[in-house]
Amino acid sequence: MSISPDAIRTTLGRLGRAQVVWLSLLGAMTGVGGLLLALDGARAPRLDGMALARPIAASGPSAIDLVFDTRAPIEEGRWDGVVIHHSGSMLGSAADVAAAHEARGLHGLGYHFVIGNGRGSGDGEIHVGYRWLDQLPGAHVAGENAGALNRRYLGVCLIGDGDRRPFGDTQLARSADLVGALLSQLGLGVDDVLTHRDLAPVSSPGVRFPEAEFRERVRSALATRASR
């Protein structure tokens, strides 16, 4: 039903000046809010995962087992291993990485997991990505066999630049606990943990990534789980 201009003028004439101003302001705010929401929805990268903060007490219960509350069932034999990456940036979050991935044409975050370093995200905080929750292939390995590897290997990214700065103890410990939990759940071993540079002509996770130490941490995490 249409409203005539005369009817609108008559209605406004019955309102006080203050009411007219507030109605005008409300209309403007509603229009701007709707525009911002539309722009945000159009630009936001897909990041429908969950974050697991590091336990406050080192001896406290671990929340890592929550990663197995996936939306799609974990099929036996679905995954062949885990690939370790770095973000190549000194700071950031899973949202930052997802935005960078979408700018390169990917559909949201390419990794299955992202581990924060305390600069832009919590130190040791685990972001569980939608690709893991929905048991989808990753988009994290480059090179000739990228397609096959991304379908069969999980991508774990540590925020940081391992070519310029060592990773912190908390971040490494939390990453090793996560990888140990994944290997245990999936029936895999330490030899099934690879770095991106093992598979492609890249330096990731960087020359300062302590690979031997990390493998020992993962081995320890596996042993702890086996003794439960």
C-alpha atoms as a PDB file:
ATOM      1  CA  MET A   1       0.000   0.000   0.000  1.00  0.00           C
ATOM      2  CA  SER A   2       1.457   3.428  -0.985  1.00  0.00           C
ATOM      3  CA  ILE A   3       1.364   6.474   1.290  1.00  0.00           C
ATOM      4  CA  SER A   4       0.779   9.894  -0.263  1.00  0.00           C
ATOM      5  CA  PRO A   5       3.171  12.798   0.373  1.00  0.00           C
ATOM      6  CA  ASP A   6       0.281  14.764   1.972  1.00  0.00           C
ATOM      7  CA  ALA A   7      -0.283  11.966   4.495  1.00  0.00           C
ATOM      8  CA  ILE A   8       3.403  11.947   5.411  1.00  0.00           C
ATOM      9  CA  ARG A   9       3.459  15.718   5.898  1.00  0.00           C
ATOM     10  CA  THR A  10       0.322  15.517   8.058  1.00  0.00           C
ATOM     11  CA  THR A  11       1.863  12.808  10.257  1.00  0.00           C
ATOM     12  CA  LEU A  12       5.134  14.718  10.686  1.00  0.00           C
ATOM     13  CA  GLY A  13       3.179  17.844  11.518  1.00  0.00           C
ATOM     14  CA  ARG A  14       1.671  16.068  14.508  1.00  0.00           C
ATOM     15  CA  LEU A  15       5.123  15.114  15.843  1.00  0.00           C
ATOM     16  CA  GLY A  16       7.379  17.376  17.832  1.00  0.00           C
ATOM     17  CA  ARG A  17      10.684  18.544  16.367  1.00  0.00           C
ATOM     18  CA  ALA A  18      12.678  16.242  18.685  1.00  0.00           C
ATOM     19  CA  GLN A  19      10.680  13.202  17.598  1.00  0.00           C
ATOM     20  CA  VAL A  20      11.228  14.018  13.939  1.00  0.00           C
ATOM     21  CA  VAL A  21      14.975  14.334  14.509  1.00  0.00           C
ATOM     22  CA  TRP A  22      15.156  10.997  16.336  1.00  0.00           C
ATOM     23  CA  LEU A  23      13.163   9.233  13.642  1.00  0.00           C
ATOM     24  CA  SER A  24      15.466  10.653  10.968  1.00  0.00           C
ATOM     25  CA  LEU A  25      18.556   9.587  12.925  1.00  0.00           C
ATOM     26  CA  LEU A  26      17.154   6.102  13.471  1.00  0.00           C
ATOM     27  CA  GLY A  27      16.479   5.736   9.765  1.00  0.00           C
ATOM     28  CA  ALA A  28      19.996   6.833   8.881  1.00  0.00           C
ATOM     29  CA  MET A  29      21.580   4.467  11.434  1.00  0.00           C
ATOM     30  CA  THR A  30      19.486   1.563  10.192  1.00  0.00           C
ATOM     31  CA  GLY A  31      20.562   2.227   6.606  1.00  0.00           C
ATOM     32  CA  VAL A  32      24.255   2.536   7.498  1.00  0.00           C
ATOM     33  CA  GLY A  33      24.103  -0.523   9.751  1.00  0.00           C
ATOM     34  CA  GLY A  34      22.562  -2.581   6.986  1.00  0.00           C
ATOM     35  CA  LEU A  35      25.237  -1.433   4.546  1.00  0.00           C
ATOM     36  CA  LEU A  36      28.079  -2.317   6.949  1.00  0.00           C
ATOM     37  CA  LEU A  37      26.560  -5.720   7.623  1.00  0.00           C
ATOM     38  CA  ALA A  38      26.321  -6.406   3.895  1.00  0.00           C
ATOM     39  CA  LEU A  39      29.914  -5.310   3.327  1.00  0.00           C
ATOM     40  CA  ASP A  40      31.178  -7.382   6.284  1.00  0.00           C
ATOM     41  CA  GLY A  41      29.311 -10.442   5.082  1.00  0.00           C
ATOM     42  CA  ALA A  42      30.750 -10.014   1.615  1.00  0.00           C
ATOM     43  CA  ARG A  43      34.338  -9.583   2.786  1.00  0.00           C
ATOM     44  CA  ALA A  44      34.657 -11.863   5.815  1.00  0.00           C
ATOM     45  CA  PRO A  45      36.747 -14.978   5.116  1.00  0.00           C
ATOM     46  CA  ARG A  46      35.294 -18.335   6.098  1.00  0.00           C
ATOM     47  CA  LEU A  47      36.452 -19.003   9.633  1.00  0.00           C
ATOM     48  CA  ASP A  48      33.696 -21.098  11.179  1.00  0.00           C
ATOM     49  CA  GLY A  49      35.972 -23.081  13.458  1.00  0.00           C
ATOM     50  CA  MET A  50      36.673 -22.920  17.178  1.00  0.00           C
ATOM     51  CA  ALA A  51      39.477 -21.658  19.402  1.00  0.00           C
ATOM     52  CA  LEU A  52      41.021 -23.668  22.232  1.00  0.00           C
ATOM     53  CA  ALA A  53      42.864 -21.476  24.726  1.00  0.00           C
ATOM     54  CA  ARG A  54      45.914 -22.784  26.530  1.00  0.00           C
ATOM     55  CA  PRO A  55      45.142 -24.167  30.027  1.00  0.00           C
ATOM     56  CA  ILE A  56      46.099 -21.647  32.729  1.00  0.00           C
ATOM     57  CA  ALA A  57      47.911 -24.272  34.815  1.00  0.00           C
ATOM     58  CA  ALA A  58      50.549 -26.361  33.087  1.00  0.00           C
ATOM     59  CA  SER A  59      49.360 -29.408  35.039  1.00  0.00           C
ATOM     60  CA  GLY A  60      45.697 -28.677  34.429  1.00  0.00           C
ATOM     61  CA  PRO A  61      43.397 -30.701  32.204  1.00  0.00           C
ATOM     62  CA  SER A  62      43.910 -30.372  28.491  1.00  0.00           C
ATOM     63  CA  ALA A  63      41.117 -29.246  26.202  1.00  0.00           C
ATOM     64  CA  ILE A  64      42.849 -30.673  23.141  1.00  0.00           C
ATOM     65  CA  ASP A  65      40.533 -33.683  23.018  1.00  0.00           C
ATOM     66  CA  LEU A  66      37.763 -31.244  22.070  1.00  0.00           C
ATOM     67  CA  VAL A  67      39.230 -31.182  18.567  1.00  0.00           C
ATOM     68  CA  PHE A  68      37.712 -34.610  18.033  1.00  0.00           C
ATOM     69  CA  ASP A  69      34.186 -33.238  18.402  1.00  0.00           C
ATOM     70  CA  THR A  70      34.015 -32.814  14.657  1.00  0.00           C
ATOM     71  CA  ARG A  71      30.927 -32.012  12.617  1.00  0.00           C
ATOM     72  CA  ALA A  72      31.695 -34.819  10.176  1.00  0.00           C
ATOM     73  CA  PRO A  73      32.790 -38.261  11.380  1.00  0.00           C
ATOM     74  CA  ILE A  74      36.506 -39.067  11.303  1.00  0.00           C
ATOM     75  CA  GLU A  75      36.850 -42.036   8.972  1.00  0.00           C
ATOM     76  CA  GLU A  76      39.453 -44.696   9.667  1.00  0.00           C
ATOM     77  CA  GLY A  77      42.349 -44.366   7.249  1.00  0.00           C
ATOM     78  CA  ARG A  78      41.191 -40.924   6.061  1.00  0.00           C
ATOM     79  CA  TRP A  79      44.480 -39.147   6.877  1.00  0.00           C
ATOM     80  CA  ASP A  80      48.084 -40.153   6.190  1.00  0.00           C
ATOM     81  CA  GLY A  81      49.929 -37.599   8.285  1.00  0.00           C
ATOM     82  CA  VAL A  82      50.486 -34.011   9.416  1.00  0.00           C
ATOM     83  CA  VAL A  83      52.405 -31.215   7.688  1.00  0.00           C
ATOM     84  CA  ILE A  84      53.933 -28.415   9.790  1.00  0.00           C
ATOM     85  CA  HIS A  85      53.998 -24.865   8.363  1.00  0.00           C
ATOM     86  CA  HIS A  86      54.700 -21.354   9.562  1.00  0.00           C
ATOM     87  CA  SER A  87      52.643 -18.314   8.621  1.00  0.00           C
ATOM     88  CA  GLY A  88      55.708 -16.345   7.488  1.00  0.00           C
ATOM     89  CA  SER A  89      54.558 -13.357   9.566  1.00  0.00           C
ATOM     90  CA  MET A  90      55.855 -12.305  12.972  1.00  0.00           C
ATOM     91  CA  LEU A  91      52.342 -11.835  14.331  1.00  0.00           C
ATOM     92  CA  GLY A  92      48.770 -12.591  13.376  1.00  0.00           C
ATOM     93  CA  SER A  93      45.768 -14.808  13.918  1.00  0.00           C
ATOM     94  CA  ALA A  94      43.794 -17.466  12.102  1.00  0.00           C
ATOM     95  CA  ALA A  95      41.536 -14.702  10.786  1.00  0.00           C
ATOM     96  CA  ASP A  96      44.550 -12.916   9.288  1.00  0.00           C
ATOM     97  CA  VAL A  97      45.760 -16.100   7.624  1.00  0.00           C
ATOM     98  CA  ALA A  98      42.264 -16.839   6.306  1.00  0.00           C
ATOM     99  CA  ALA A  99      42.001 -13.344   4.835  1.00  0.00           C
ATOM    100  CA  ALA A 100      45.370 -13.797   3.100  1.00  0.00           C
ATOM    101  CA  HIS A 101      44.271 -17.174   1.741  1.00  0.00           C
ATOM    102  CA  GLU A 102      41.028 -15.769   0.372  1.00  0.00           C
ATOM    103  CA  ALA A 103      42.965 -12.928  -1.270  1.00  0.00           C
ATOM    104  CA  ARG A 104      44.860 -15.654  -3.143  1.00  0.00           C
ATOM    105  CA  GLY A 105      41.619 -17.257  -4.290  1.00  0.00           C
ATOM    106  CA  LEU A 106      41.175 -19.975  -1.649  1.00  0.00           C
ATOM    107  CA  HIS A 107      37.842 -20.689  -0.012  1.00  0.00           C
ATOM    108  CA  GLY A 108      38.663 -19.615   3.529  1.00  0.00           C
ATOM    109  CA  LEU A 109      41.450 -20.882   5.756  1.00  0.00           C
ATOM    110  CA  GLY A 110      43.639 -23.422   3.967  1.00  0.00           C
ATOM    111  CA  TYR A 111      45.070 -25.025   7.134  1.00  0.00           C
ATOM    112  CA  HIS A 112      43.255 -27.424   9.410  1.00  0.00           C
ATOM    113  CA  PHE A 113      44.805 -25.874  12.539  1.00  0.00           C
ATOM    114  CA  VAL A 114      46.555 -22.598  13.430  1.00  0.00           C
ATOM    115  CA  ILE A 115      48.610 -22.122  16.635  1.00  0.00           C
ATOM    116  CA  GLY A 116      49.015 -18.594  18.029  1.00  0.00           C
ATOM    117  CA  ASN A 117      52.245 -17.104  19.359  1.00  0.00           C
ATOM    118  CA  GLY A 118      50.892 -14.383  21.649  1.00  0.00           C
ATOM    119  CA  ARG A 119      51.157 -11.652  19.012  1.00  0.00           C
ATOM    120  CA  GLY A 120      47.735 -11.182  17.490  1.00  0.00           C
ATOM    121  CA  SER A 121      46.377 -14.386  19.045  1.00  0.00           C
ATOM    122  CA  GLY A 122      46.890 -16.202  22.326  1.00  0.00           C
ATOM    123  CA  ASP A 123      50.239 -17.868  22.950  1.00  0.00           C
ATOM    124  CA  GLY A 124      49.545 -21.545  22.359  1.00  0.00           C
ATOM    125  CA  GLU A 125      45.939 -20.914  21.366  1.00  0.00           C
ATOM    126  CA  ILE A 126      44.700 -23.485  18.864  1.00  0.00           C
ATOM    127  CA  HIS A 127      42.305 -22.472  16.131  1.00  0.00           C
ATOM    128  CA  VAL A 128      40.486 -25.547  14.864  1.00  0.00           C
ATOM    129  CA  GLY A 129      39.557 -24.803  11.267  1.00  0.00           C
ATOM    130  CA  TYR A 130      36.431 -25.749   9.391  1.00  0.00           C
ATOM    131  CA  ARG A 131      38.411 -28.074   7.111  1.00  0.00           C
ATOM    132  CA  TRP A 132      39.126 -30.322  10.103  1.00  0.00           C
ATOM    133  CA  LEU A 133      35.680 -29.982  11.667  1.00  0.00           C
ATOM    134  CA  ASP A 134      34.064 -30.965   8.353  1.00  0.00           C
ATOM    135  CA  GLN A 135      36.842 -33.440   7.435  1.00  0.00           C
ATOM    136  CA  LEU A 136      37.660 -31.606   4.219  1.00  0.00           C
ATOM    137  CA  PRO A 137      40.901 -31.570   2.209  1.00  0.00           C
ATOM    138  CA  GLY A 138      43.336 -28.806   3.062  1.00  0.00           C
ATOM    139  CA  ALA A 139      44.847 -26.158   0.820  1.00  0.00           C
ATOM    140  CA  HIS A 140      48.282 -25.843   2.384  1.00  0.00           C
ATOM    141  CA  VAL A 141      50.841 -27.912   0.453  1.00  0.00           C
ATOM    142  CA  ALA A 142      52.448 -26.505  -2.697  1.00  0.00           C
ATOM    143  CA  GLY A 143      54.302 -28.343  -5.438  1.00  0.00           C
ATOM    144  CA  GLU A 144      53.624 -30.995  -8.058  1.00  0.00           C
ATOM    145  CA  ASN A 145      51.736 -33.410  -5.795  1.00  0.00           C
ATOM    146  CA  ALA A 146      49.798 -30.706  -3.947  1.00  0.00           C
ATOM    147  CA  GLY A 147      46.382 -32.083  -4.856  1.00  0.00           C
ATOM    148  CA  ALA A 148      47.013 -35.572  -3.527  1.00  0.00           C
ATOM    149  CA  LEU A 149      48.869 -34.341  -0.443  1.00  0.00           C
ATOM    150  CA  ASN A 150      46.209 -31.810   0.491  1.00  0.00           C
ATOM    151  CA  ARG A 151      43.575 -34.546   0.337  1.00  0.00           C
ATOM    152  CA  ARG A 152      45.500 -36.854   2.663  1.00  0.00           C
ATOM    153  CA  TYR A 153      47.551 -34.646   5.000  1.00  0.00           C
ATOM    154  CA  LEU A 154      46.478 -32.279   7.764  1.00  0.00           C
ATOM    155  CA  GLY A 155      47.959 -28.785   7.746  1.00  0.00           C
ATOM    156  CA  VAL A 156      49.141 -27.286  11.055  1.00  0.00           C
ATOM    157  CA  CYS A 157      50.377 -23.685  10.889  1.00  0.00           C
ATOM    158  CA  LEU A 158      52.403 -21.938  13.589  1.00  0.00           C
ATOM    159  CA  ILE A 159      52.022 -18.176  13.567  1.00  0.00           C
ATOM    160  CA  GLY A 160      55.519 -16.757  13.144  1.00  0.00           C
ATOM    161  CA  ASP A 161      58.444 -16.593  10.767  1.00  0.00           C
ATOM    162  CA  GLY A 162      60.830 -19.450  11.439  1.00  0.00           C
ATOM    163  CA  ASP A 163      63.417 -17.956   9.085  1.00  0.00           C
ATOM    164  CA  ARG A 164      63.777 -14.841  11.239  1.00  0.00           C
ATOM    165  CA  ARG A 165      62.921 -15.784  14.807  1.00  0.00           C
ATOM    166  CA  PRO A 166      62.702 -18.959  16.910  1.00  0.00           C
ATOM    167  CA  PHE A 167      59.301 -20.164  18.047  1.00  0.00           C
ATOM    168  CA  GLY A 168      58.386 -19.814  21.715  1.00  0.00           C
ATOM    169  CA  ASP A 169      58.277 -22.728  24.138  1.00  0.00           C
ATOM    170  CA  THR A 170      54.559 -22.423  24.844  1.00  0.00           C
ATOM    171  CA  GLN A 171      53.663 -22.432  21.168  1.00  0.00           C
ATOM    172  CA  LEU A 172      55.921 -25.418  20.442  1.00  0.00           C
ATOM    173  CA  ALA A 173      54.632 -27.379  23.433  1.00  0.00           C
ATOM    174  CA  ARG A 174      51.015 -26.764  22.520  1.00  0.00           C
ATOM    175  CA  SER A 175      51.655 -27.649  18.877  1.00  0.00           C
ATOM    176  CA  ALA A 176      53.369 -30.902  19.870  1.00  0.00           C
ATOM    177  CA  ASP A 177      50.472 -31.801  22.181  1.00  0.00           C
ATOM    178  CA  LEU A 178      48.026 -31.214  19.338  1.00  0.00           C
ATOM    179  CA  VAL A 179      50.029 -33.233  16.823  1.00  0.00           C
ATOM    180  CA  GLY A 180      50.514 -36.023  19.364  1.00  0.00           C
ATOM    181  CA  ALA A 181      46.777 -36.142  19.982  1.00  0.00           C
ATOM    182  CA  LEU A 182      46.050 -36.264  16.246  1.00  0.00           C
ATOM    183  CA  LEU A 183      48.558 -39.043  15.620  1.00  0.00           C
ATOM    184  CA  SER A 184      47.198 -41.081  18.519  1.00  0.00           C
ATOM    185  CA  GLN A 185      43.593 -40.681  17.387  1.00  0.00           C
ATOM    186  CA  LEU A 186      44.374 -41.465  13.750  1.00  0.00           C
ATOM    187  CA  GLY A 187      46.677 -44.423  14.406  1.00  0.00           C
ATOM    188  CA  LEU A 188      49.748 -42.653  13.014  1.00  0.00           C
ATOM    189  CA  GLY A 189      53.325 -42.233  14.262  1.00  0.00           C
ATOM    190  CA  VAL A 190      56.030 -39.583  14.537  1.00  0.00           C
ATOM    191  CA  ASP A 191      57.395 -40.543  11.118  1.00  0.00           C
ATOM    192  CA  ASP A 192      54.084 -39.356   9.663  1.00  0.00           C
ATOM    193  CA  VAL A 193      54.878 -35.773  10.696  1.00  0.00           C
ATOM    194  CA  LEU A 194      56.415 -33.770   7.851  1.00  0.00           C
ATOM    195  CA  THR A 195      57.407 -30.166   7.296  1.00  0.00           C
ATOM    196  CA  HIS A 196      56.294 -28.204   4.269  1.00  0.00           C
ATOM    197  CA  ARG A 197      59.889 -28.018   3.057  1.00  0.00           C
ATOM    198  CA  ASP A 198      59.922 -31.832   2.903  1.00  0.00           C
ATOM    199  CA  LEU A 199      57.250 -31.684   0.221  1.00  0.00           C
ATOM    200  CA  ALA A 200      57.810 -28.477  -1.731  1.00  0.00           C
ATOM    201  CA  PRO A 201      60.633 -26.036  -2.631  1.00  0.00           C
ATOM    202  CA  VAL A 202      59.911 -23.735   0.325  1.00  0.00           C
ATOM    203  CA  SER A 203      61.651 -22.999   3.640  1.00  0.00           C
ATOM    204  CA  SER A 204      58.519 -23.326   5.808  1.00  0.00           C
ATOM    205  CA  PRO A 205      58.458 -23.741   8.772  1.00  0.00           C
ATOM    206  CA  GLY A 206      61.815 -21.971   8.602  1.00  0.00           C
ATOM    207  CA  VAL A 207      65.440 -22.680   9.433  1.00  0.00           C
ATOM    208  CA  ARG A 208      64.829 -21.823  13.102  1.00  0.00           C
ATOM    209  CA  PHE A 209      62.122 -24.428  13.531  1.00  0.00           C
ATOM    210  CA  PRO A 210      63.621 -27.029  15.930  1.00  0.00           C
ATOM    211  CA  GLU A 211      62.542 -30.114  14.027  1.00  0.00           C
ATOM    212  CA  ALA A 212      64.425 -32.716  16.092  1.00  0.00           C
ATOM    213  CA  GLU A 213      63.239 -31.184  19.367  1.00  0.00           C
ATOM    214  CA  PHE A 214      59.691 -30.959  18.063  1.00  0.00           C
ATOM    215  CA  ARG A 215      59.676 -34.626  17.114  1.00  0.00           C
ATOM    216  CA  GLU A 216      60.835 -35.527  20.619  1.00  0.00           C
ATOM    217  CA  ARG A 217      58.018 -33.448  22.083  1.00  0.00           C
ATOM    218  CA  VAL A 218      55.518 -35.227  19.836  1.00  0.00           C
ATOM    219  CA  ARG A 219      56.970 -38.606  20.787  1.00  0.00           C
ATOM    220  CA  SER A 220      56.586 -37.689  24.455  1.00  0.00           C
ATOM    221  CA  ALA A 221      52.983 -36.590  23.911  1.00  0.00           C
ATOM    222  CA  LEU A 222      52.260 -39.924  22.204  1.00  0.00           C
ATOM    223  CA  ALA A 223      53.823 -41.867  25.066  1.00  0.00           C
ATOM    224  CA  THR A 224      51.788 -39.933  27.613  1.00  0.00           C
ATOM    225  CA  ARG A 225      48.571 -40.756  25.771  1.00  0.00           C
ATOM    226  CA  ALA A 226      49.515 -44.400  25.426  1.00  0.00           C
ATOM    227  CA  SER A 227      50.035 -44.642  29.212  1.00  0.00           C
ATOM    228  CA  ARG A 228      46.565 -43.314  30.086  1.00  0.00           C
END
